[in-house]
Amino acid sequence: MRLADKHVIALVEEEFEDLELWYPVLRLREEGATVDLVGKEANKVYHGKYGVPVTTDRNFTEVNVDAYDAILVPGGWAPDKLRRYPEVIEFVKHMDQQKKPIGQICHAGWVLISADILKGRQVTSTPGIKDDMTNAGSTWHDEAVVIDGHIISSRRPPDLPPYVKAFADKLAEK
């Protein structure tokens, strides 16, 4: 299992895009990674846009970001809430400074915008936030997955297979 020694934060908040959280979590766990579901509250049940539940393992204040190798930000409406937490912004900035893999899909780009890490980057997202992404200083591409160093971005659920493969490949390099 090529990811057996890897630890990943998967951010959680209400109205995450169900597939954009669960598909990467399950695939990374299949490859041996430990994926902690992290939200404002630990042991809380959060619900996706389509009602799929998830129970968080940890809360933001319990996380030592240095102990993790990567972070995943799901899409849906959760990113608009996640970007309001200073801890989330610090997690993303830290991962960026350490050049650790940051996965973002769909509306998750909002979190990276709020962390102010997109200037000069090549990215994709749901087309609905293309203007937000470019106004943050990035170059937006209408592609299933865009890899710019340690930032792996994707558009939407149909793009999950190449997105999660690219993320897992990048994580395996670390």
Protein backbone atom coordinates (compact mmCIF):
# COMPACT_ATOMS: atom_id res chain seq x y z
CA MET A 1 0.00 0.00 0.00
CA ARG A 2 1.87 3.00 -1.30
CA LEU A 3 0.23 5.54 1.07
CA ALA A 4 0.49 3.51 4.29
CA ASP A 5 2.60 6.15 6.06
CA LYS A 6 0.62 9.18 4.86
CA HIS A 7 -1.77 11.30 6.95
CA VAL A 8 -4.35 13.53 5.30
CA ILE A 9 -6.77 16.16 6.59
CA ALA A 10 -10.17 16.13 4.86
CA LEU A 11 -12.06 19.30 5.80
CA VAL A 12 -15.75 18.99 6.61
CA GLU A 13 -18.60 21.48 7.01
CA GLU A 14 -22.33 21.32 6.33
CA GLU A 15 -23.42 20.96 2.70
CA PHE A 16 -20.18 19.48 1.38
CA GLU A 17 -20.55 17.88 -2.05
CA ASP A 18 -21.10 14.27 -1.03
CA LEU A 19 -19.01 12.60 -3.75
CA GLU A 20 -16.26 15.23 -3.58
CA LEU A 21 -15.64 14.34 0.05
CA TRP A 22 -16.30 10.60 0.15
CA TYR A 23 -14.72 9.49 -3.14
CA PRO A 24 -11.23 10.89 -2.29
CA VAL A 25 -11.45 9.74 1.35
CA LEU A 26 -12.31 6.17 0.38
CA ARG A 27 -9.77 5.96 -2.46
CA LEU A 28 -6.94 7.28 -0.27
CA ARG A 29 -7.88 4.89 2.52
CA GLU A 30 -7.85 2.04 -0.02
CA GLU A 31 -4.23 2.94 -0.74
CA GLY A 32 -3.40 2.87 2.97
CA ALA A 33 -3.53 6.56 3.91
CA THR A 34 -4.94 7.68 7.23
CA VAL A 35 -7.55 10.32 6.46
CA ASP A 36 -8.90 12.36 9.35
CA LEU A 37 -12.22 14.10 8.87
CA VAL A 38 -11.82 17.51 10.49
CA GLY A 39 -14.52 20.10 11.21
CA LYS A 40 -15.35 22.84 13.66
CA GLU A 41 -16.60 20.18 16.10
CA ALA A 42 -15.24 16.67 16.70
CA ASN A 43 -17.58 13.67 16.73
CA LYS A 44 -20.30 15.71 15.06
CA VAL A 45 -22.45 14.45 12.20
CA TYR A 46 -22.34 16.80 9.21
CA HIS A 47 -24.53 16.31 6.15
CA GLY A 48 -23.67 16.66 2.50
CA LYS A 49 -25.78 18.49 -0.07
CA TYR A 50 -27.61 15.24 -0.83
CA GLY A 51 -27.88 14.11 2.77
CA VAL A 52 -24.96 11.71 3.04
CA PRO A 53 -23.63 11.99 6.61
CA VAL A 54 -20.09 12.10 7.90
CA THR A 55 -18.88 12.13 11.49
CA THR A 56 -15.76 14.16 12.16
CA ASP A 57 -12.74 12.63 13.87
CA ARG A 58 -11.26 15.88 15.15
CA ASN A 59 -12.00 19.56 15.51
CA PHE A 60 -9.82 22.34 14.13
CA THR A 61 -8.12 23.10 17.44
CA GLU A 62 -7.09 19.45 17.98
CA VAL A 63 -5.13 19.31 14.75
CA ASN A 64 -1.36 19.63 14.64
CA VAL A 65 -1.02 20.48 10.97
CA ASP A 66 2.68 19.51 11.02
CA ALA A 67 1.63 15.89 11.59
CA TYR A 68 -0.13 15.76 8.21
CA ASP A 69 1.20 15.21 4.72
CA ALA A 70 -1.67 16.74 2.74
CA ILE A 71 -5.08 18.41 2.89
CA LEU A 72 -8.29 17.90 0.90
CA VAL A 73 -10.94 20.57 0.48
CA PRO A 74 -14.26 19.27 -0.89
CA GLY A 75 -16.67 21.35 -2.91
CA GLY A 76 -20.35 21.98 -2.50
CA TRP A 77 -21.44 24.89 -0.33
CA ALA A 78 -19.09 23.90 2.49
CA PRO A 79 -16.12 25.93 1.16
CA ASP A 80 -18.02 29.18 1.62
CA LYS A 81 -18.31 28.27 5.31
CA LEU A 82 -14.87 26.69 5.72
CA ARG A 83 -13.06 29.81 4.50
CA ARG A 84 -14.48 31.77 7.41
CA TYR A 85 -12.53 29.74 9.99
CA PRO A 86 -9.06 31.18 10.73
CA GLU A 87 -7.80 27.66 11.50
CA VAL A 88 -8.73 26.43 8.02
CA ILE A 89 -6.95 29.37 6.39
CA GLU A 90 -3.87 28.66 8.52
CA PHE A 91 -3.95 24.95 7.60
CA VAL A 92 -4.03 25.76 3.89
CA LYS A 93 -1.33 28.44 4.16
CA HIS A 94 0.88 26.07 6.13
CA MET A 95 0.46 23.27 3.59
CA ASP A 96 1.28 25.74 0.82
CA GLN A 97 4.41 27.01 2.58
CA GLN A 98 5.57 23.42 3.20
CA LYS A 99 4.76 22.44 -0.42
CA LYS A 100 2.51 19.63 0.80
CA PRO A 101 -0.32 18.46 -1.50
CA ILE A 102 -3.47 20.57 -1.42
CA GLY A 103 -6.46 19.05 -3.21
CA GLN A 104 -9.36 21.28 -4.17
CA ILE A 105 -12.38 20.54 -6.31
CA CYS A 106 -15.38 22.52 -7.52
CA HIS A 107 -16.12 25.44 -5.13
CA ALA A 108 -13.18 24.51 -2.87
CA GLY A 109 -11.17 27.13 -4.71
CA TRP A 110 -12.88 29.70 -2.48
CA VAL A 111 -10.84 28.39 0.47
CA LEU A 112 -7.57 28.77 -1.45
CA ILE A 113 -8.64 32.27 -2.53
CA SER A 114 -9.26 33.24 1.09
CA ALA A 115 -5.86 31.77 2.02
CA ASP A 116 -4.35 34.05 -0.63
CA ILE A 117 -2.23 31.34 -2.26
CA LEU A 118 -3.39 31.43 -5.89
CA LYS A 119 -1.43 34.33 -7.37
CA GLY A 120 0.49 33.04 -10.39
CA ARG A 121 -0.93 29.50 -10.11
CA GLN A 122 -2.48 27.32 -12.80
CA VAL A 123 -5.85 25.96 -11.60
CA THR A 124 -9.31 24.74 -12.44
CA SER A 125 -12.59 24.72 -10.55
CA THR A 126 -16.27 24.66 -11.27
CA PRO A 127 -16.79 27.21 -14.06
CA GLY A 128 -19.13 29.06 -11.68
CA ILE A 129 -16.15 30.46 -9.74
CA LYS A 130 -13.80 30.96 -12.70
CA ASP A 131 -13.93 34.75 -12.25
CA ASP A 132 -13.17 34.42 -8.53
CA MET A 133 -10.16 32.23 -9.31
CA THR A 134 -8.78 34.56 -11.97
CA ASN A 135 -9.43 37.65 -9.83
CA ALA A 136 -7.28 35.95 -7.16
CA GLY A 137 -4.39 36.00 -9.64
CA SER A 138 -4.48 32.47 -11.04
CA THR A 139 -4.79 31.24 -14.60
CA TRP A 140 -7.93 29.13 -14.95
CA HIS A 141 -8.16 26.11 -17.28
CA ASP A 142 -11.26 24.18 -18.30
CA GLU A 143 -9.69 20.76 -17.69
CA ALA A 144 -10.59 17.76 -15.53
CA VAL A 145 -7.51 18.20 -13.35
CA VAL A 146 -4.74 20.79 -13.20
CA ILE A 147 -1.53 20.17 -11.28
CA ASP A 148 0.62 23.16 -10.36
CA GLY A 149 3.37 21.89 -8.10
CA HIS A 150 1.66 20.69 -4.93
CA ILE A 151 -1.78 22.14 -5.76
CA ILE A 152 -4.11 19.68 -7.45
CA SER A 153 -7.40 21.17 -8.63
CA SER A 154 -10.45 19.75 -10.34
CA ARG A 155 -13.82 20.89 -11.67
CA ARG A 156 -16.66 18.61 -10.55
CA PRO A 157 -17.77 15.05 -9.64
CA PRO A 158 -17.33 13.52 -13.13
CA ASP A 159 -13.63 14.50 -12.86
CA LEU A 160 -13.08 12.63 -9.58
CA PRO A 161 -11.17 9.61 -11.04
CA PRO A 162 -8.33 11.64 -12.63
CA TYR A 163 -8.36 14.15 -9.74
CA VAL A 164 -7.96 11.58 -6.97
CA LYS A 165 -5.36 9.64 -8.98
CA ALA A 166 -3.32 12.84 -9.44
CA PHE A 167 -3.66 13.69 -5.75
CA ALA A 168 -2.63 10.19 -4.64
CA ASP A 169 0.32 10.21 -7.05
CA LYS A 170 1.51 13.56 -5.67
CA LEU A 171 1.07 12.36 -2.10
CA ALA A 172 3.09 9.21 -2.87
CA GLU A 173 6.00 11.42 -4.04
CA LYS A 174 6.33 13.09 -0.61
